[in-house]
């Protein structure tokens, strides 16, 4: 599983929550940052998927969404429970 977090280069609480969730669950991920001045349309083109705002999470090249979408995805795959705690090593 290859997780990419796309975010702006300025502080965002949702991005911080995603980073913490992935780190606490000991899940490997990469981060791609963009200038906060870059239009979202340009970022969408680079990613090859329409997005409305950052941060955005992609798993194996597929857009998952934002924080809660990532939680649902990780729960459904058995990586974490609904409290965000790691439930097994994959």
PDB file of N, CA and C in Angstrom:
ATOM      1  N   UNK A   1       0.860  -1.175   0.000  1.00  0.00           N
ATOM      2  CA  UNK A   1       0.000   0.000   0.000  1.00  0.00           C
ATOM      3  C   UNK A   1       0.901   1.231   0.000  1.00  0.00           C
ATOM      4  N   UNK A   2       0.676   2.103  -0.969  1.00  0.00           N
ATOM      5  CA  UNK A   2       1.457   3.330  -1.106  1.00  0.00           C
ATOM      6  C   UNK A   2       0.537   4.522  -0.847  1.00  0.00           C
ATOM      7  N   UNK A   3       0.767   5.230   0.255  1.00  0.00           N
ATOM      8  CA  UNK A   3      -0.068   6.373   0.630  1.00  0.00           C
ATOM      9  C   UNK A   3       0.680   7.667   0.352  1.00  0.00           C
ATOM     10  N   UNK A   4       0.004   8.570  -0.336  1.00  0.00           N
ATOM     11  CA  UNK A   4       0.540   9.904  -0.611  1.00  0.00           C
ATOM     12  C   UNK A   4      -0.388  10.942   0.008  1.00  0.00           C
ATOM     13  N   UNK A   5       0.202  11.860   0.754  1.00  0.00           N
ATOM     14  CA  UNK A   5      -0.538  12.985   1.309  1.00  0.00           C
ATOM     15  C   UNK A   5      -0.102  14.233   0.555  1.00  0.00           C
ATOM     16  N   UNK A   6      -1.067  14.892  -0.062  1.00  0.00           N
ATOM     17  CA  UNK A   6      -0.808  16.128  -0.799  1.00  0.00           C
ATOM     18  C   UNK A   6      -1.347  17.285   0.041  1.00  0.00           C
ATOM     19  N   UNK A   7      -0.467  18.261   0.309  1.00  0.00           N
ATOM     20  CA  UNK A   7      -0.865  19.366   1.178  1.00  0.00           C
ATOM     21  C   UNK A   7      -0.177  20.664   0.780  1.00  0.00           C
ATOM     22  N   UNK A   8      -0.711  21.760   1.320  1.00  0.00           N
ATOM     23  CA  UNK A   8      -0.097  23.068   1.101  1.00  0.00           C
ATOM     24  C   UNK A   8       1.093  23.250   2.022  1.00  0.00           C
ATOM     25  N   UNK A   9       1.936  24.206   1.683  1.00  0.00           N
ATOM     26  CA  UNK A   9       3.151  24.462   2.447  1.00  0.00           C
ATOM     27  C   UNK A   9       2.922  25.356   3.669  1.00  0.00           C
ATOM     28  N   UNK A  10       1.671  25.542   4.054  1.00  0.00           N
ATOM     29  CA  UNK A  10       1.375  26.291   5.275  1.00  0.00           C
ATOM     30  C   UNK A  10       0.575  25.391   6.224  1.00  0.00           C
ATOM     31  N   UNK A  11       0.551  25.750   7.498  1.00  0.00           N
ATOM     32  CA  UNK A  11      -0.106  24.911   8.502  1.00  0.00           C
ATOM     33  C   UNK A  11      -1.580  24.687   8.196  1.00  0.00           C
ATOM     34  N   UNK A  12      -2.005  23.455   8.395  1.00  0.00           N
ATOM     35  CA  UNK A  12      -3.400  23.072   8.224  1.00  0.00           C
ATOM     36  C   UNK A  12      -3.689  21.968   9.240  1.00  0.00           C
ATOM     37  N   UNK A  13      -4.680  22.177  10.106  1.00  0.00           N
ATOM     38  CA  UNK A  13      -4.967  21.218  11.164  1.00  0.00           C
ATOM     39  C   UNK A  13      -5.370  19.860  10.609  1.00  0.00           C
ATOM     40  N   UNK A  14      -6.126  19.827   9.526  1.00  0.00           N
ATOM     41  CA  UNK A  14      -6.523  18.550   8.936  1.00  0.00           C
ATOM     42  C   UNK A  14      -5.300  17.776   8.465  1.00  0.00           C
ATOM     43  N   UNK A  15      -4.353  18.459   7.846  1.00  0.00           N
ATOM     44  CA  UNK A  15      -3.123  17.797   7.406  1.00  0.00           C
ATOM     45  C   UNK A  15      -2.365  17.245   8.613  1.00  0.00           C
ATOM     46  N   UNK A  16      -2.309  18.013   9.685  1.00  0.00           N
ATOM     47  CA  UNK A  16      -1.645  17.561  10.906  1.00  0.00           C
ATOM     48  C   UNK A  16      -2.336  16.315  11.463  1.00  0.00           C
ATOM     49  N   UNK A  17      -3.656  16.306  11.466  1.00  0.00           N
ATOM     50  CA  UNK A  17      -4.411  15.143  11.951  1.00  0.00           C
ATOM     51  C   UNK A  17      -4.117  13.903  11.104  1.00  0.00           C
ATOM     52  N   UNK A  18      -4.023  14.073   9.797  1.00  0.00           N
ATOM     53  CA  UNK A  18      -3.714  12.953   8.904  1.00  0.00           C
ATOM     54  C   UNK A  18      -2.306  12.431   9.189  1.00  0.00           C
ATOM     55  N   UNK A  19      -1.347  13.344   9.309  1.00  0.00           N
ATOM     56  CA  UNK A  19       0.030  12.954   9.604  1.00  0.00           C
ATOM     57  C   UNK A  19       0.111  12.181  10.915  1.00  0.00           C
ATOM     58  N   UNK A  20      -0.582  12.666  11.931  1.00  0.00           N
ATOM     59  CA  UNK A  20      -0.585  12.005  13.239  1.00  0.00           C
ATOM     60  C   UNK A  20      -1.221  10.620  13.148  1.00  0.00           C
ATOM     61  N   UNK A  21      -2.343  10.511  12.459  1.00  0.00           N
ATOM     62  CA  UNK A  21      -3.024   9.224  12.294  1.00  0.00           C
ATOM     63  C   UNK A  21      -2.096   8.195  11.644  1.00  0.00           C
ATOM     64  N   UNK A  22      -1.455   8.577  10.557  1.00  0.00           N
ATOM     65  CA  UNK A  22      -0.569   7.658   9.853  1.00  0.00           C
ATOM     66  C   UNK A  22       0.655   7.299  10.691  1.00  0.00           C
ATOM     67  N   UNK A  23       1.212   8.280  11.378  1.00  0.00           N
ATOM     68  CA  UNK A  23       2.377   8.027  12.220  1.00  0.00           C
ATOM     69  C   UNK A  23       2.022   7.122  13.398  1.00  0.00           C
ATOM     70  N   UNK A  24       0.909   7.403  14.065  1.00  0.00           N
ATOM     71  CA  UNK A  24       0.479   6.586  15.212  1.00  0.00           C
ATOM     72  C   UNK A  24       0.194   5.142  14.806  1.00  0.00           C
ATOM     73  N   UNK A  25      -0.303   4.950  13.591  1.00  0.00           N
ATOM     74  CA  UNK A  25      -0.615   3.605  13.103  1.00  0.00           C
ATOM     75  C   UNK A  25       0.610   2.934  12.477  1.00  0.00           C
ATOM     76  N   UNK A  26       1.743   3.654  12.485  1.00  0.00           N
ATOM     77  CA  UNK A  26       2.998   3.138  11.938  1.00  0.00           C
ATOM     78  C   UNK A  26       2.847   2.726  10.472  1.00  0.00           C
ATOM     79  N   UNK A  27       2.182   3.592   9.709  1.00  0.00           N
ATOM     80  CA  UNK A  27       1.956   3.356   8.287  1.00  0.00           C
ATOM     81  C   UNK A  27       2.892   4.263   7.494  1.00  0.00           C
ATOM     82  N   UNK A  28       3.618   3.687   6.573  1.00  0.00           N
ATOM     83  CA  UNK A  28       4.546   4.440   5.739  1.00  0.00           C
ATOM     84  C   UNK A  28       3.771   5.267   4.717  1.00  0.00           C
ATOM     85  N   UNK A  29       4.218   6.497   4.518  1.00  0.00           N
ATOM     86  CA  UNK A  29       3.551   7.394   3.577  1.00  0.00           C
ATOM     87  C   UNK A  29       4.547   8.393   3.032  1.00  0.00           C
ATOM     88  N   UNK A  30       4.165   9.061   1.966  1.00  0.00           N
ATOM     89  CA  UNK A  30       4.969  10.156   1.420  1.00  0.00           C
ATOM     90  C   UNK A  30       4.133  11.427   1.433  1.00  0.00           C
ATOM     91  N   UNK A  31       4.829  12.548   1.415  1.00  0.00           N
ATOM     92  CA  UNK A  31       4.171  13.844   1.452  1.00  0.00           C
ATOM     93  C   UNK A  31       4.616  14.664   0.252  1.00  0.00           C
ATOM     94  N   UNK A  32       3.658  15.251  -0.435  1.00  0.00           N
ATOM     95  CA  UNK A  32       3.925  16.175  -1.538  1.00  0.00           C
ATOM     96  C   UNK A  32       3.359  17.527  -1.142  1.00  0.00           C
ATOM     97  N   UNK A  33       4.189  18.546  -1.161  1.00  0.00           N
ATOM     98  CA  UNK A  33       3.719  19.872  -0.768  1.00  0.00           C
ATOM     99  C   UNK A  33       3.611  20.780  -1.990  1.00  0.00           C
ATOM    100  N   UNK A  34       2.673  21.720  -1.871  1.00  0.00           N
ATOM    101  CA  UNK A  34       2.410  22.690  -2.935  1.00  0.00           C
ATOM    102  C   UNK A  34       2.362  24.082  -2.329  1.00  0.00           C
ATOM    103  N   UNK A  35       2.762  25.057  -3.099  1.00  0.00           N
ATOM    104  CA  UNK A  35       2.656  26.443  -2.666  1.00  0.00           C
ATOM    105  C   UNK A  35       1.190  26.779  -2.441  1.00  0.00           C
ATOM    106  N   UNK A  36       0.920  27.500  -1.368  1.00  0.00           N
ATOM    107  CA  UNK A  36      -0.460  27.891  -1.079  1.00  0.00           C
ATOM    108  C   UNK A  36      -1.004  28.853  -2.132  1.00  0.00           C
ATOM    109  N   UNK A  37      -0.124  29.372  -2.960  1.00  0.00           N
ATOM    110  CA  UNK A  37      -0.542  30.285  -4.025  1.00  0.00           C
ATOM    111  C   UNK A  37      -0.885  29.551  -5.326  1.00  0.00           C
ATOM    112  N   UNK A  38      -0.564  28.267  -5.388  1.00  0.00           N
ATOM    113  CA  UNK A  38      -0.835  27.506  -6.615  1.00  0.00           C
ATOM    114  C   UNK A  38      -2.325  27.200  -6.729  1.00  0.00           C
ATOM    115  N   UNK A  39      -2.940  27.499  -7.860  1.00  0.00           N
ATOM    116  CA  UNK A  39      -4.375  27.231  -8.035  1.00  0.00           C
ATOM    117  C   UNK A  39      -4.688  25.737  -7.929  1.00  0.00           C
ATOM    118  N   UNK A  40      -5.797  25.426  -7.301  1.00  0.00           N
ATOM    119  CA  UNK A  40      -6.206  24.032  -7.099  1.00  0.00           C
ATOM    120  C   UNK A  40      -6.413  23.317  -8.441  1.00  0.00           C
ATOM    121  N   UNK A  41      -6.781  24.063  -9.462  1.00  0.00           N
ATOM    122  CA  UNK A  41      -6.961  23.467 -10.786  1.00  0.00           C
ATOM    123  C   UNK A  41      -5.642  22.890 -11.309  1.00  0.00           C
ATOM    124  N   UNK A  42      -4.542  23.625 -11.086  1.00  0.00           N
ATOM    125  CA  UNK A  42      -3.223  23.150 -11.522  1.00  0.00           C
ATOM    126  C   UNK A  42      -2.819  21.889 -10.765  1.00  0.00           C
ATOM    127  N   UNK A  43      -3.110  21.867  -9.472  1.00  0.00           N
ATOM    128  CA  UNK A  43      -2.789  20.696  -8.651  1.00  0.00           C
ATOM    129  C   UNK A  43      -3.607  19.498  -9.130  1.00  0.00           C
ATOM    130  N   UNK A  44      -4.885  19.719  -9.414  1.00  0.00           N
ATOM    131  CA  UNK A  44      -5.741  18.641  -9.926  1.00  0.00           C
ATOM    132  C   UNK A  44      -5.174  18.047 -11.209  1.00  0.00           C
ATOM    133  N   UNK A  45      -4.701  18.913 -12.100  1.00  0.00           N
ATOM    134  CA  UNK A  45      -4.116  18.442 -13.352  1.00  0.00           C
ATOM    135  C   UNK A  45      -2.874  17.597 -13.098  1.00  0.00           C
ATOM    136  N   UNK A  46      -2.027  18.046 -12.175  1.00  0.00           N
ATOM    137  CA  UNK A  46      -0.811  17.294 -11.841  1.00  0.00           C
ATOM    138  C   UNK A  46      -1.141  15.920 -11.267  1.00  0.00           C
ATOM    139  N   UNK A  47      -2.198  15.868 -10.469  1.00  0.00           N
ATOM    140  CA  UNK A  47      -2.573  14.611  -9.821  1.00  0.00           C
ATOM    141  C   UNK A  47      -3.399  13.709 -10.738  1.00  0.00           C
ATOM    142  N   UNK A  48      -3.952  14.284 -11.790  1.00  0.00           N
ATOM    143  CA  UNK A  48      -4.764  13.496 -12.702  1.00  0.00           C
ATOM    144  C   UNK A  48      -6.120  13.124 -12.133  1.00  0.00           C
ATOM    145  N   UNK A  49      -6.549  13.883 -11.133  1.00  0.00           N
ATOM    146  CA  UNK A  49      -7.830  13.618 -10.476  1.00  0.00           C
ATOM    147  C   UNK A  49      -8.387  14.939  -9.955  1.00  0.00           C
ATOM    148  N   UNK A  50      -9.666  15.210 -10.190  1.00  0.00           N
ATOM    149  CA  UNK A  50     -10.221  16.471  -9.696  1.00  0.00           C
ATOM    150  C   UNK A  50     -10.288  16.494  -8.170  1.00  0.00           C
ATOM    151  N   UNK A  51      -9.730  17.544  -7.592  1.00  0.00           N
ATOM    152  CA  UNK A  51      -9.830  17.743  -6.149  1.00  0.00           C
ATOM    153  C   UNK A  51     -10.334  19.157  -5.899  1.00  0.00           C
ATOM    154  N   UNK A  52     -11.019  19.326  -4.779  1.00  0.00           N
ATOM    155  CA  UNK A  52     -11.585  20.633  -4.449  1.00  0.00           C
ATOM    156  C   UNK A  52     -10.715  21.414  -3.476  1.00  0.00           C
ATOM    157  N   UNK A  53      -9.939  20.670  -2.662  1.00  0.00           N
ATOM    158  CA  UNK A  53      -9.080  21.339  -1.685  1.00  0.00           C
ATOM    159  C   UNK A  53      -8.055  20.352  -1.153  1.00  0.00           C
ATOM    160  N   UNK A  54      -7.030  20.915  -0.569  1.00  0.00           N
ATOM    161  CA  UNK A  54      -5.997  20.127   0.088  1.00  0.00           C
ATOM    162  C   UNK A  54      -6.166  20.250   1.605  1.00  0.00           C
ATOM    163  N   UNK A  55      -5.739  19.283   2.378  1.00  0.00           N
ATOM    164  CA  UNK A  55      -4.993  18.103   1.998  1.00  0.00           C
ATOM    165  C   UNK A  55      -5.859  17.052   1.317  1.00  0.00           C
ATOM    166  N   UNK A  56      -5.204  16.240   0.506  1.00  0.00           N
ATOM    167  CA  UNK A  56      -5.868  15.135  -0.180  1.00  0.00           C
ATOM    168  C   UNK A  56      -5.000  13.888  -0.039  1.00  0.00           C
ATOM    169  N   UNK A  57      -5.649  12.751   0.178  1.00  0.00           N
ATOM    170  CA  UNK A  57      -4.938  11.492   0.362  1.00  0.00           C
ATOM    171  C   UNK A  57      -5.208  10.575  -0.831  1.00  0.00           C
ATOM    172  N   UNK A  58      -4.137   9.979  -1.337  1.00  0.00           N
ATOM    173  CA  UNK A  58      -4.212   8.995  -2.408  1.00  0.00           C
ATOM    174  C   UNK A  58      -3.589   7.700  -1.905  1.00  0.00           C
ATOM    175  N   UNK A  59      -4.215   6.571  -2.228  1.00  0.00           N
ATOM    176  CA  UNK A  59      -3.670   5.255  -1.892  1.00  0.00           C
ATOM    177  C   UNK A  59      -3.513   4.477  -3.193  1.00  0.00           C
ATOM    178  N   UNK A  60      -2.299   4.060  -3.455  1.00  0.00           N
ATOM    179  CA  UNK A  60      -1.977   3.342  -4.690  1.00  0.00           C
ATOM    180  C   UNK A  60      -2.502   4.082  -5.923  1.00  0.00           C
ATOM    181  N   UNK A  61      -2.354   5.411  -5.908  1.00  0.00           N
ATOM    182  CA  UNK A  61      -2.748   6.243  -7.038  1.00  0.00           C
ATOM    183  C   UNK A  61      -4.217   6.592  -7.114  1.00  0.00           C
ATOM    184  N   UNK A  62      -5.020   6.059  -6.208  1.00  0.00           N
ATOM    185  CA  UNK A  62      -6.467   6.322  -6.212  1.00  0.00           C
ATOM    186  C   UNK A  62      -6.813   7.351  -5.130  1.00  0.00           C
ATOM    187  N   UNK A  63      -7.599   8.343  -5.518  1.00  0.00           N
ATOM    188  CA  UNK A  63      -7.995   9.371  -4.558  1.00  0.00           C
ATOM    189  C   UNK A  63      -8.910   8.758  -3.495  1.00  0.00           C
ATOM    190  N   UNK A  64      -8.519   8.943  -2.222  1.00  0.00           N
ATOM    191  CA  UNK A  64      -9.326   8.472  -1.103  1.00  0.00           C
ATOM    192  C   UNK A  64     -10.173   9.617  -0.556  1.00  0.00           C
ATOM    193  N   UNK A  65      -9.568  10.781  -0.429  1.00  0.00           N
ATOM    194  CA  UNK A  65     -10.284  11.947   0.097  1.00  0.00           C
ATOM    195  C   UNK A  65      -9.467  12.667   1.151  1.00  0.00           C
ATOM    196  N   UNK A  66     -10.143  12.978   2.260  1.00  0.00           N
ATOM    197  CA  UNK A  66      -9.488  13.710   3.338  1.00  0.00           C
ATOM    198  C   UNK A  66      -9.434  12.838   4.593  1.00  0.00           C
ATOM    199  N   UNK A  67      -9.362  13.436   5.761  1.00  0.00           N
ATOM    200  CA  UNK A  67      -9.123  12.712   7.013  1.00  0.00           C
ATOM    201  C   UNK A  67     -10.133  11.588   7.261  1.00  0.00           C
ATOM    202  N   UNK A  68     -11.406  11.910   7.286  1.00  0.00           N
ATOM    203  CA  UNK A  68     -12.411  10.895   7.630  1.00  0.00           C
ATOM    204  C   UNK A  68     -12.504   9.793   6.575  1.00  0.00           C
ATOM    205  N   UNK A  69     -12.261  10.158   5.325  1.00  0.00           N
ATOM    206  CA  UNK A  69     -12.230   9.154   4.262  1.00  0.00           C
ATOM    207  C   UNK A  69     -11.062   8.184   4.479  1.00  0.00           C
ATOM    208  N   UNK A  70      -9.929   8.733   4.911  1.00  0.00           N
ATOM    209  CA  UNK A  70      -8.767   7.895   5.201  1.00  0.00           C
ATOM    210  C   UNK A  70      -9.039   6.976   6.386  1.00  0.00           C
ATOM    211  N   UNK A  71      -9.673   7.506   7.432  1.00  0.00           N
ATOM    212  CA  UNK A  71     -10.021   6.678   8.594  1.00  0.00           C
ATOM    213  C   UNK A  71     -10.891   5.510   8.143  1.00  0.00           C
ATOM    214  N   UNK A  72     -11.940   5.787   7.381  1.00  0.00           N
ATOM    215  CA  UNK A  72     -12.835   4.726   6.906  1.00  0.00           C
ATOM    216  C   UNK A  72     -12.079   3.697   6.068  1.00  0.00           C
ATOM    217  N   UNK A  73     -11.199   4.163   5.217  1.00  0.00           N
ATOM    218  CA  UNK A  73     -10.412   3.263   4.382  1.00  0.00           C
ATOM    219  C   UNK A  73      -9.536   2.354   5.238  1.00  0.00           C
ATOM    220  N   UNK A  74      -8.807   2.942   6.193  1.00  0.00           N
ATOM    221  CA  UNK A  74      -7.893   2.159   7.029  1.00  0.00           C
ATOM    222  C   UNK A  74      -8.640   1.194   7.935  1.00  0.00           C
ATOM    223  N   UNK A  75      -9.817   1.597   8.424  1.00  0.00           N
ATOM    224  CA  UNK A  75     -10.637   0.693   9.235  1.00  0.00           C
ATOM    225  C   UNK A  75     -11.108  -0.480   8.373  1.00  0.00           C
ATOM    226  N   UNK A  76     -11.584  -0.179   7.172  1.00  0.00           N
ATOM    227  CA  UNK A  76     -12.108  -1.240   6.302  1.00  0.00           C
ATOM    228  C   UNK A  76     -11.027  -2.241   5.894  1.00  0.00           C
ATOM    229  N   UNK A  77      -9.778  -1.804   5.863  1.00  0.00           N
ATOM    230  CA  UNK A  77      -8.667  -2.687   5.497  1.00  0.00           C
ATOM    231  C   UNK A  77      -8.039  -3.358   6.720  1.00  0.00           C
ATOM    232  N   UNK A  78      -8.527  -3.027   7.927  1.00  0.00           N
ATOM    233  CA  UNK A  78      -8.029  -3.672   9.133  1.00  0.00           C
ATOM    234  C   UNK A  78      -6.734  -3.119   9.688  1.00  0.00           C
ATOM    235  N   UNK A  79      -6.345  -1.901   9.284  1.00  0.00           N
ATOM    236  CA  UNK A  79      -5.117  -1.306   9.802  1.00  0.00           C
ATOM    237  C   UNK A  79      -5.326  -0.622  11.150  1.00  0.00           C
ATOM    238  N   UNK A  80      -6.485   0.008  11.322  1.00  0.00           N
ATOM    239  CA  UNK A  80      -6.778   0.716  12.570  1.00  0.00           C
ATOM    240  C   UNK A  80      -8.203   0.406  12.999  1.00  0.00           C
ATOM    241  N   UNK A  81      -8.502   0.752  14.266  1.00  0.00           N
ATOM    242  CA  UNK A  81      -9.887   0.684  14.731  1.00  0.00           C
ATOM    243  C   UNK A  81     -10.472   2.093  14.650  1.00  0.00           C
ATOM    244  N   UNK A  82     -11.719   2.254  15.087  1.00  0.00           N
ATOM    245  CA  UNK A  82     -12.362   3.570  14.960  1.00  0.00           C
ATOM    246  C   UNK A  82     -11.790   4.632  15.891  1.00  0.00           C
ATOM    247  N   UNK A  83     -10.945   4.246  16.824  1.00  0.00           N
ATOM    248  CA  UNK A  83     -10.256   5.224  17.670  1.00  0.00           C
ATOM    249  C   UNK A  83      -8.915   5.623  17.066  1.00  0.00           C
ATOM    250  N   UNK A  84      -8.599   5.058  15.912  1.00  0.00           N
ATOM    251  CA  UNK A  84      -7.340   5.383  15.240  1.00  0.00           C
ATOM    252  C   UNK A  84      -6.166   4.572  15.742  1.00  0.00           C
ATOM    253  N   UNK A  85      -6.415   3.562  16.568  1.00  0.00           N
ATOM    254  CA  UNK A  85      -5.360   2.716  17.112  1.00  0.00           C
ATOM    255  C   UNK A  85      -5.051   1.578  16.141  1.00  0.00           C
ATOM    256  N   UNK A  86      -3.779   1.286  16.012  1.00  0.00           N
ATOM    257  CA  UNK A  86      -3.360   0.191  15.140  1.00  0.00           C
ATOM    258  C   UNK A  86      -3.910  -1.116  15.685  1.00  0.00           C
ATOM    259  N   UNK A  87      -4.546  -1.898  14.836  1.00  0.00           N
ATOM    260  CA  UNK A  87      -5.128  -3.151  15.326  1.00  0.00           C
ATOM    261  C   UNK A  87      -4.375  -4.373  14.845  1.00  0.00           C
ATOM    262  N   UNK A  88      -3.546  -4.230  13.826  1.00  0.00           N
ATOM    263  CA  UNK A  88      -2.706  -5.348  13.406  1.00  0.00           C
ATOM    264  C   UNK A  88      -1.625  -4.815  12.474  1.00  0.00           C
ATOM    265  N   UNK A  89      -0.592  -5.580  12.348  1.00  0.00           N
ATOM    266  CA  UNK A  89       0.480  -5.201  11.444  1.00  0.00           C
ATOM    267  C   UNK A  89       0.222  -5.849  10.095  1.00  0.00           C
ATOM    268  N   UNK A  90       0.229  -5.038   9.053  1.00  0.00           N
ATOM    269  CA  UNK A  90      -0.010  -5.562   7.689  1.00  0.00           C
ATOM    270  C   UNK A  90       1.306  -5.608   6.954  1.00  0.00           C
TER     271      UNK A  90
END
